[in-house]
């Protein structure tokens, strides 16, 4: 647990869709139990079309959103699922799929599946905005993979509460999960008065940021929520030192 004596309010601004935002905030509050949290998603997940399995012999999921939208639109559960990250894998298992984790990013997913040589064709069920070009790379590696967009990510404006926090003298902790979220947030944070403490899911997410320079920042070792939580804690520790706060673990 981090114990801090501070002169400015420290607020966690969660901008990913619920319920993932609540899960991440709860994990961070285990280290910072008094942390104030504001929920203001910059993306809304909306269905695009019902999944069409097209004779697929295996499903590929690169996000929990893909799993949730598949569950809403299909009753099929007797097909193997190959998933990116622990939480996506667990989400697939929770809905009754036989799910296997095959990596933490697009590169390891493609290389792992290529080594395992699963039955094909595969079907990548994804959002309108996706990184990694998974289906094309799998096909190029010799594993036929189609793709279908089953949800869209609708941009949202920050809430009045979030905008007020950014206009204050607070310390704002800002975990950023995707390049698109980074671009949307950068546009809405241009005139912020607060000091930003940013945790980046990956270097690609960091590269997409064109907003104000953060007071402290850190990049996750792996593109998953637990690694990002650790990166955020590291950035907070740096900010605490810069602020001259007393901190101990």
C-alpha atoms as a PDB file:
ATOM      1  CA  UNK A   1       0.000   0.000   0.000  1.00  0.00           C
ATOM      2  CA  UNK A   2       1.175   3.536  -0.782  1.00  0.00           C
ATOM      3  CA  UNK A   3       0.727   6.046   2.046  1.00  0.00           C
ATOM      4  CA  UNK A   4       0.954   9.704   1.048  1.00  0.00           C
ATOM      5  CA  UNK A   5       0.878  13.081   2.691  1.00  0.00           C
ATOM      6  CA  UNK A   6      -0.105  15.476  -0.065  1.00  0.00           C
ATOM      7  CA  UNK A   7      -1.116  19.074  -0.623  1.00  0.00           C
ATOM      8  CA  UNK A   8      -3.132  18.489  -3.809  1.00  0.00           C
ATOM      9  CA  UNK A   9      -6.056  16.177  -4.460  1.00  0.00           C
ATOM     10  CA  UNK A  10      -5.124  13.043  -6.394  1.00  0.00           C
ATOM     11  CA  UNK A  11      -7.893  11.812  -8.692  1.00  0.00           C
ATOM     12  CA  UNK A  12      -8.044   8.737 -10.904  1.00  0.00           C
ATOM     13  CA  UNK A  13      -9.776   9.525 -14.207  1.00  0.00           C
ATOM     14  CA  UNK A  14     -11.018   6.307 -15.801  1.00  0.00           C
ATOM     15  CA  UNK A  15     -11.866   6.787 -19.462  1.00  0.00           C
ATOM     16  CA  UNK A  16     -12.277   3.198 -20.645  1.00  0.00           C
ATOM     17  CA  UNK A  17     -15.784   1.720 -20.943  1.00  0.00           C
ATOM     18  CA  UNK A  18     -17.457   0.101 -17.957  1.00  0.00           C
ATOM     19  CA  UNK A  19     -17.202  -2.461 -16.380  1.00  0.00           C
ATOM     20  CA  UNK A  20     -13.503  -2.750 -17.266  1.00  0.00           C
ATOM     21  CA  UNK A  21     -12.891   0.703 -15.811  1.00  0.00           C
ATOM     22  CA  UNK A  22     -14.387  -0.320 -12.464  1.00  0.00           C
ATOM     23  CA  UNK A  23     -12.284  -3.473 -12.312  1.00  0.00           C
ATOM     24  CA  UNK A  24      -9.102  -1.502 -12.998  1.00  0.00           C
ATOM     25  CA  UNK A  25      -9.969   1.196 -10.456  1.00  0.00           C
ATOM     26  CA  UNK A  26     -10.726  -1.373  -7.762  1.00  0.00           C
ATOM     27  CA  UNK A  27      -7.336  -3.029  -8.308  1.00  0.00           C
ATOM     28  CA  UNK A  28      -5.566   0.329  -8.043  1.00  0.00           C
ATOM     29  CA  UNK A  29      -7.486   1.228  -4.882  1.00  0.00           C
ATOM     30  CA  UNK A  30      -5.990  -1.813  -3.179  1.00  0.00           C
ATOM     31  CA  UNK A  31      -2.755   0.222  -3.142  1.00  0.00           C
ATOM     32  CA  UNK A  32      -4.434   3.622  -2.793  1.00  0.00           C
ATOM     33  CA  UNK A  33      -7.619   3.064  -0.754  1.00  0.00           C
ATOM     34  CA  UNK A  34      -8.414   6.781  -0.422  1.00  0.00           C
ATOM     35  CA  UNK A  35      -8.066   7.495  -4.127  1.00  0.00           C
ATOM     36  CA  UNK A  36     -10.899   9.551  -5.620  1.00  0.00           C
ATOM     37  CA  UNK A  37     -12.252   8.066  -8.874  1.00  0.00           C
ATOM     38  CA  UNK A  38     -14.106   9.741 -11.745  1.00  0.00           C
ATOM     39  CA  UNK A  39     -15.609   7.567 -14.496  1.00  0.00           C
ATOM     40  CA  UNK A  40     -15.871   9.265 -17.882  1.00  0.00           C
ATOM     41  CA  UNK A  41     -15.547   6.864 -20.842  1.00  0.00           C
ATOM     42  CA  UNK A  42     -14.310   8.433 -24.076  1.00  0.00           C
ATOM     43  CA  UNK A  43     -15.638   5.458 -26.056  1.00  0.00           C
ATOM     44  CA  UNK A  44     -19.024   3.754 -26.029  1.00  0.00           C
ATOM     45  CA  UNK A  45     -19.182   0.170 -27.233  1.00  0.00           C
ATOM     46  CA  UNK A  46     -22.176  -0.378 -29.538  1.00  0.00           C
ATOM     47  CA  UNK A  47     -23.061  -3.523 -31.520  1.00  0.00           C
ATOM     48  CA  UNK A  48     -22.344  -3.451 -35.242  1.00  0.00           C
ATOM     49  CA  UNK A  49     -23.802  -6.769 -36.412  1.00  0.00           C
ATOM     50  CA  UNK A  50     -24.462 -10.229 -35.049  1.00  0.00           C
ATOM     51  CA  UNK A  51     -21.545 -12.668 -35.377  1.00  0.00           C
ATOM     52  CA  UNK A  52     -21.595 -14.785 -38.522  1.00  0.00           C
ATOM     53  CA  UNK A  53     -19.290 -17.741 -37.989  1.00  0.00           C
ATOM     54  CA  UNK A  54     -18.987 -18.558 -41.706  1.00  0.00           C
ATOM     55  CA  UNK A  55     -17.825 -22.121 -41.080  1.00  0.00           C
ATOM     56  CA  UNK A  56     -15.030 -20.989 -38.767  1.00  0.00           C
ATOM     57  CA  UNK A  57     -13.279 -23.737 -36.814  1.00  0.00           C
ATOM     58  CA  UNK A  58     -11.794 -21.398 -34.243  1.00  0.00           C
ATOM     59  CA  UNK A  59     -12.474 -17.902 -32.938  1.00  0.00           C
ATOM     60  CA  UNK A  60      -9.874 -15.226 -32.248  1.00  0.00           C
ATOM     61  CA  UNK A  61     -10.580 -12.569 -29.622  1.00  0.00           C
ATOM     62  CA  UNK A  62      -8.270  -9.649 -28.928  1.00  0.00           C
ATOM     63  CA  UNK A  63     -10.518  -7.841 -26.430  1.00  0.00           C
ATOM     64  CA  UNK A  64     -13.104  -8.509 -23.747  1.00  0.00           C
ATOM     65  CA  UNK A  65     -15.525  -6.352 -25.741  1.00  0.00           C
ATOM     66  CA  UNK A  66     -15.331  -8.842 -28.597  1.00  0.00           C
ATOM     67  CA  UNK A  67     -16.191 -11.671 -26.220  1.00  0.00           C
ATOM     68  CA  UNK A  68     -19.124  -9.792 -24.679  1.00  0.00           C
ATOM     69  CA  UNK A  69     -20.609  -8.835 -28.059  1.00  0.00           C
ATOM     70  CA  UNK A  70     -20.169 -12.405 -29.319  1.00  0.00           C
ATOM     71  CA  UNK A  71     -22.030 -13.674 -26.236  1.00  0.00           C
ATOM     72  CA  UNK A  72     -24.894 -11.258 -26.912  1.00  0.00           C
ATOM     73  CA  UNK A  73     -25.206 -12.223 -30.570  1.00  0.00           C
ATOM     74  CA  UNK A  74     -24.506 -15.965 -30.700  1.00  0.00           C
ATOM     75  CA  UNK A  75     -25.415 -19.083 -28.719  1.00  0.00           C
ATOM     76  CA  UNK A  76     -22.562 -21.123 -30.205  1.00  0.00           C
ATOM     77  CA  UNK A  77     -20.163 -22.377 -27.528  1.00  0.00           C
ATOM     78  CA  UNK A  78     -18.716 -25.586 -29.013  1.00  0.00           C
ATOM     79  CA  UNK A  79     -15.889 -23.917 -30.897  1.00  0.00           C
ATOM     80  CA  UNK A  80     -12.384 -23.228 -29.551  1.00  0.00           C
ATOM     81  CA  UNK A  81     -11.384 -19.642 -28.801  1.00  0.00           C
ATOM     82  CA  UNK A  82      -7.870 -18.209 -28.968  1.00  0.00           C
ATOM     83  CA  UNK A  83      -7.503 -15.076 -26.889  1.00  0.00           C
ATOM     84  CA  UNK A  84      -5.168 -12.172 -26.285  1.00  0.00           C
ATOM     85  CA  UNK A  85      -4.406 -11.644 -22.593  1.00  0.00           C
ATOM     86  CA  UNK A  86      -5.591 -13.216 -19.370  1.00  0.00           C
ATOM     87  CA  UNK A  87      -8.781 -11.195 -18.915  1.00  0.00           C
ATOM     88  CA  UNK A  88     -10.038 -11.762 -22.452  1.00  0.00           C
ATOM     89  CA  UNK A  89      -9.316 -15.471 -22.018  1.00  0.00           C
ATOM     90  CA  UNK A  90     -11.209 -15.588 -18.721  1.00  0.00           C
ATOM     91  CA  UNK A  91     -14.127 -13.670 -20.228  1.00  0.00           C
ATOM     92  CA  UNK A  92     -14.357 -16.288 -22.992  1.00  0.00           C
ATOM     93  CA  UNK A  93     -14.282 -19.097 -20.450  1.00  0.00           C
ATOM     94  CA  UNK A  94     -16.944 -17.374 -18.390  1.00  0.00           C
ATOM     95  CA  UNK A  95     -19.408 -17.539 -21.297  1.00  0.00           C
ATOM     96  CA  UNK A  96     -18.723 -21.246 -21.842  1.00  0.00           C
ATOM     97  CA  UNK A  97     -16.081 -21.266 -24.571  1.00  0.00           C
ATOM     98  CA  UNK A  98     -13.036 -23.526 -24.475  1.00  0.00           C
ATOM     99  CA  UNK A  99     -10.548 -20.664 -24.472  1.00  0.00           C
ATOM    100  CA  UNK A 100      -6.754 -20.639 -24.683  1.00  0.00           C
ATOM    101  CA  UNK A 101      -4.525 -17.632 -24.055  1.00  0.00           C
ATOM    102  CA  UNK A 102      -2.142 -17.222 -26.986  1.00  0.00           C
ATOM    103  CA  UNK A 103      -0.183 -14.085 -26.190  1.00  0.00           C
ATOM    104  CA  UNK A 104      -0.141 -10.533 -24.869  1.00  0.00           C
ATOM    105  CA  UNK A 105       0.113  -8.693 -28.201  1.00  0.00           C
ATOM    106  CA  UNK A 106      -0.495  -9.265 -31.907  1.00  0.00           C
ATOM    107  CA  UNK A 107       3.056 -10.503 -32.514  1.00  0.00           C
ATOM    108  CA  UNK A 108       2.948 -13.225 -29.860  1.00  0.00           C
ATOM    109  CA  UNK A 109      -0.596 -14.187 -30.843  1.00  0.00           C
ATOM    110  CA  UNK A 110       0.426 -14.809 -34.447  1.00  0.00           C
ATOM    111  CA  UNK A 111       3.634 -16.652 -33.552  1.00  0.00           C
ATOM    112  CA  UNK A 112       1.923 -18.822 -30.917  1.00  0.00           C
ATOM    113  CA  UNK A 113      -0.959 -19.817 -33.169  1.00  0.00           C
ATOM    114  CA  UNK A 114       1.455 -20.518 -36.021  1.00  0.00           C
ATOM    115  CA  UNK A 115       3.333 -22.915 -33.731  1.00  0.00           C
ATOM    116  CA  UNK A 116       0.167 -24.624 -32.516  1.00  0.00           C
ATOM    117  CA  UNK A 117      -1.290 -24.956 -36.041  1.00  0.00           C
ATOM    118  CA  UNK A 118      -4.997 -24.978 -35.046  1.00  0.00           C
ATOM    119  CA  UNK A 119      -7.767 -26.078 -37.429  1.00  0.00           C
ATOM    120  CA  UNK A 120      -8.709 -23.387 -39.923  1.00  0.00           C
ATOM    121  CA  UNK A 121     -10.371 -21.219 -41.026  1.00  0.00           C
ATOM    122  CA  UNK A 122     -10.193 -18.948 -37.996  1.00  0.00           C
ATOM    123  CA  UNK A 123     -12.425 -15.930 -37.449  1.00  0.00           C
ATOM    124  CA  UNK A 124     -11.247 -12.775 -35.685  1.00  0.00           C
ATOM    125  CA  UNK A 125     -14.236 -11.025 -34.066  1.00  0.00           C
ATOM    126  CA  UNK A 126     -13.224  -7.437 -33.396  1.00  0.00           C
ATOM    127  CA  UNK A 127     -14.164  -3.786 -33.117  1.00  0.00           C
ATOM    128  CA  UNK A 128     -14.248  -1.244 -35.906  1.00  0.00           C
ATOM    129  CA  UNK A 129     -10.929   0.184 -34.708  1.00  0.00           C
ATOM    130  CA  UNK A 130      -8.357  -2.523 -34.075  1.00  0.00           C
ATOM    131  CA  UNK A 131      -4.576  -2.680 -34.082  1.00  0.00           C
ATOM    132  CA  UNK A 132      -2.211  -5.431 -35.145  1.00  0.00           C
ATOM    133  CA  UNK A 133      -3.873  -6.518 -38.420  1.00  0.00           C
ATOM    134  CA  UNK A 134      -4.333  -9.940 -36.854  1.00  0.00           C
ATOM    135  CA  UNK A 135      -6.392 -11.696 -39.538  1.00  0.00           C
ATOM    136  CA  UNK A 136      -4.083 -10.678 -42.386  1.00  0.00           C
ATOM    137  CA  UNK A 137      -0.961 -11.635 -40.457  1.00  0.00           C
ATOM    138  CA  UNK A 138      -2.369 -15.020 -39.502  1.00  0.00           C
ATOM    139  CA  UNK A 139      -3.332 -15.661 -43.121  1.00  0.00           C
ATOM    140  CA  UNK A 140       0.127 -14.618 -44.281  1.00  0.00           C
ATOM    141  CA  UNK A 141       1.628 -17.070 -41.778  1.00  0.00           C
ATOM    142  CA  UNK A 142      -0.321 -19.929 -43.362  1.00  0.00           C
ATOM    143  CA  UNK A 143      -3.369 -19.950 -41.084  1.00  0.00           C
ATOM    144  CA  UNK A 144      -6.447 -18.845 -42.993  1.00  0.00           C
ATOM    145  CA  UNK A 145      -8.236 -16.248 -40.886  1.00  0.00           C
ATOM    146  CA  UNK A 146     -11.230 -14.105 -41.724  1.00  0.00           C
ATOM    147  CA  UNK A 147     -12.439 -11.155 -39.664  1.00  0.00           C
ATOM    148  CA  UNK A 148     -15.741  -9.547 -38.792  1.00  0.00           C
ATOM    149  CA  UNK A 149     -16.474  -6.223 -37.104  1.00  0.00           C
ATOM    150  CA  UNK A 150     -19.122  -6.941 -34.459  1.00  0.00           C
ATOM    151  CA  UNK A 151     -18.914  -3.686 -32.474  1.00  0.00           C
ATOM    152  CA  UNK A 152     -18.093  -0.049 -32.930  1.00  0.00           C
ATOM    153  CA  UNK A 153     -16.374   2.377 -30.561  1.00  0.00           C
ATOM    154  CA  UNK A 154     -18.382   5.606 -30.529  1.00  0.00           C
ATOM    155  CA  UNK A 155     -16.411   8.673 -29.304  1.00  0.00           C
ATOM    156  CA  UNK A 156     -17.759  10.446 -26.226  1.00  0.00           C
ATOM    157  CA  UNK A 157     -17.068  13.830 -24.682  1.00  0.00           C
ATOM    158  CA  UNK A 158     -15.652  13.905 -21.173  1.00  0.00           C
ATOM    159  CA  UNK A 159     -18.297  14.493 -18.495  1.00  0.00           C
ATOM    160  CA  UNK A 160     -18.662  17.846 -16.765  1.00  0.00           C
ATOM    161  CA  UNK A 161     -17.145  16.297 -13.625  1.00  0.00           C
ATOM    162  CA  UNK A 162     -14.090  15.104 -15.548  1.00  0.00           C
ATOM    163  CA  UNK A 163     -13.673  18.448 -17.292  1.00  0.00           C
ATOM    164  CA  UNK A 164     -13.879  20.237 -13.933  1.00  0.00           C
ATOM    165  CA  UNK A 165     -11.152  18.008 -12.521  1.00  0.00           C
ATOM    166  CA  UNK A 166      -8.913  18.734 -15.509  1.00  0.00           C
ATOM    167  CA  UNK A 167      -9.506  22.457 -14.989  1.00  0.00           C
ATOM    168  CA  UNK A 168      -8.480  22.259 -11.337  1.00  0.00           C
ATOM    169  CA  UNK A 169      -5.097  22.160  -9.633  1.00  0.00           C
ATOM    170  CA  UNK A 170      -5.488  18.438  -8.924  1.00  0.00           C
ATOM    171  CA  UNK A 171      -3.113  15.618  -9.730  1.00  0.00           C
ATOM    172  CA  UNK A 172      -4.960  13.554 -12.351  1.00  0.00           C
ATOM    173  CA  UNK A 173      -4.009   9.897 -12.779  1.00  0.00           C
ATOM    174  CA  UNK A 174      -4.842   8.895 -16.341  1.00  0.00           C
ATOM    175  CA  UNK A 175      -4.409   5.250 -17.479  1.00  0.00           C
ATOM    176  CA  UNK A 176      -4.667   5.115 -21.286  1.00  0.00           C
ATOM    177  CA  UNK A 177      -5.442   1.782 -22.908  1.00  0.00           C
ATOM    178  CA  UNK A 178      -5.350   2.309 -26.683  1.00  0.00           C
ATOM    179  CA  UNK A 179      -3.958   4.625 -29.364  1.00  0.00           C
ATOM    180  CA  UNK A 180      -7.473   5.784 -30.265  1.00  0.00           C
ATOM    181  CA  UNK A 181      -8.242   6.666 -26.645  1.00  0.00           C
ATOM    182  CA  UNK A 182      -4.932   8.556 -26.494  1.00  0.00           C
ATOM    183  CA  UNK A 183      -5.871  10.637 -29.536  1.00  0.00           C
ATOM    184  CA  UNK A 184      -9.377  11.375 -28.253  1.00  0.00           C
ATOM    185  CA  UNK A 185      -8.114  12.321 -24.793  1.00  0.00           C
ATOM    186  CA  UNK A 186      -5.295  14.463 -26.142  1.00  0.00           C
ATOM    187  CA  UNK A 187      -7.832  16.585 -28.014  1.00  0.00           C
ATOM    188  CA  UNK A 188      -9.906  17.083 -24.847  1.00  0.00           C
ATOM    189  CA  UNK A 189      -6.951  17.744 -22.526  1.00  0.00           C
ATOM    190  CA  UNK A 190      -5.269  20.533 -24.493  1.00  0.00           C
ATOM    191  CA  UNK A 191      -6.265  23.240 -22.010  1.00  0.00           C
ATOM    192  CA  UNK A 192      -5.964  21.247 -18.815  1.00  0.00           C
ATOM    193  CA  UNK A 193      -4.741  23.048 -15.696  1.00  0.00           C
ATOM    194  CA  UNK A 194      -4.218  19.835 -13.730  1.00  0.00           C
ATOM    195  CA  UNK A 195      -0.946  17.913 -13.523  1.00  0.00           C
ATOM    196  CA  UNK A 196      -1.238  14.641 -15.443  1.00  0.00           C
ATOM    197  CA  UNK A 197       0.167  11.316 -14.238  1.00  0.00           C
ATOM    198  CA  UNK A 198      -0.183   8.993 -17.229  1.00  0.00           C
ATOM    199  CA  UNK A 199       0.194   5.232 -17.544  1.00  0.00           C
ATOM    200  CA  UNK A 200       0.477   3.971 -21.129  1.00  0.00           C
ATOM    201  CA  UNK A 201      -0.622   0.491 -22.171  1.00  0.00           C
ATOM    202  CA  UNK A 202       2.181   0.373 -24.768  1.00  0.00           C
ATOM    203  CA  UNK A 203       4.666   2.516 -26.652  1.00  0.00           C
ATOM    204  CA  UNK A 204       2.148   2.698 -29.503  1.00  0.00           C
ATOM    205  CA  UNK A 205      -0.364   4.272 -27.121  1.00  0.00           C
ATOM    206  CA  UNK A 206       2.254   6.732 -25.916  1.00  0.00           C
ATOM    207  CA  UNK A 207       3.172   7.664 -29.494  1.00  0.00           C
ATOM    208  CA  UNK A 208      -0.471   8.547 -30.248  1.00  0.00           C
ATOM    209  CA  UNK A 209      -0.561  11.195 -27.494  1.00  0.00           C
ATOM    210  CA  UNK A 210      -0.293  14.818 -28.665  1.00  0.00           C
ATOM    211  CA  UNK A 211      -1.680  16.374 -25.503  1.00  0.00           C
ATOM    212  CA  UNK A 212       0.093  18.224 -22.677  1.00  0.00           C
ATOM    213  CA  UNK A 213       3.343  16.811 -21.343  1.00  0.00           C
ATOM    214  CA  UNK A 214       2.592  14.723 -18.253  1.00  0.00           C
ATOM    215  CA  UNK A 215       4.134  15.458 -14.887  1.00  0.00           C
ATOM    216  CA  UNK A 216       5.035  11.764 -14.614  1.00  0.00           C
ATOM    217  CA  UNK A 217       4.534   8.784 -16.923  1.00  0.00           C
ATOM    218  CA  UNK A 218       5.319   5.100 -17.336  1.00  0.00           C
ATOM    219  CA  UNK A 219       4.747   2.455 -20.024  1.00  0.00           C
ATOM    220  CA  UNK A 220       3.424  -1.019 -19.160  1.00  0.00           C
ATOM    221  CA  UNK A 221       5.903  -3.880 -19.559  1.00  0.00           C
ATOM    222  CA  UNK A 222       3.183  -5.902 -21.286  1.00  0.00           C
ATOM    223  CA  UNK A 223      -0.034  -4.707 -22.940  1.00  0.00           C
ATOM    224  CA  UNK A 224      -2.399  -5.958 -20.239  1.00  0.00           C
ATOM    225  CA  UNK A 225      -4.307  -4.386 -17.366  1.00  0.00           C
ATOM    226  CA  UNK A 226      -2.111  -5.733 -14.564  1.00  0.00           C
ATOM    227  CA  UNK A 227       1.072  -4.439 -16.179  1.00  0.00           C
ATOM    228  CA  UNK A 228      -0.607  -1.083 -16.743  1.00  0.00           C
ATOM    229  CA  UNK A 229      -1.637  -0.960 -13.075  1.00  0.00           C
ATOM    230  CA  UNK A 230       1.997  -1.429 -12.081  1.00  0.00           C
ATOM    231  CA  UNK A 231       3.075   1.259 -14.542  1.00  0.00           C
ATOM    232  CA  UNK A 232       0.524   3.667 -13.091  1.00  0.00           C
ATOM    233  CA  UNK A 233       1.810   2.985  -9.568  1.00  0.00           C
ATOM    234  CA  UNK A 234       5.344   3.686 -10.781  1.00  0.00           C
ATOM    235  CA  UNK A 235       4.266   6.978 -12.330  1.00  0.00           C
ATOM    236  CA  UNK A 236       2.465   7.931  -9.113  1.00  0.00           C
ATOM    237  CA  UNK A 237       5.611   7.240  -7.100  1.00  0.00           C
ATOM    238  CA  UNK A 238       7.563   9.540  -9.428  1.00  0.00           C
ATOM    239  CA  UNK A 239       4.930  12.264  -9.065  1.00  0.00           C
ATOM    240  CA  UNK A 240       4.995  11.916  -5.283  1.00  0.00           C
ATOM    241  CA  UNK A 241       8.754  12.528  -5.297  1.00  0.00           C
ATOM    242  CA  UNK A 242       8.371  15.535  -7.580  1.00  0.00           C
ATOM    243  CA  UNK A 243       5.662  16.959  -5.340  1.00  0.00           C
ATOM    244  CA  UNK A 244       7.847  16.546  -2.274  1.00  0.00           C
ATOM    245  CA  UNK A 245       5.318  14.270  -0.600  1.00  0.00           C
ATOM    246  CA  UNK A 246       6.261  11.715   1.997  1.00  0.00           C
ATOM    247  CA  UNK A 247       5.602   8.255   0.627  1.00  0.00           C
ATOM    248  CA  UNK A 248       6.284   4.741   1.749  1.00  0.00           C
ATOM    249  CA  UNK A 249       5.236   1.277   0.775  1.00  0.00           C
END
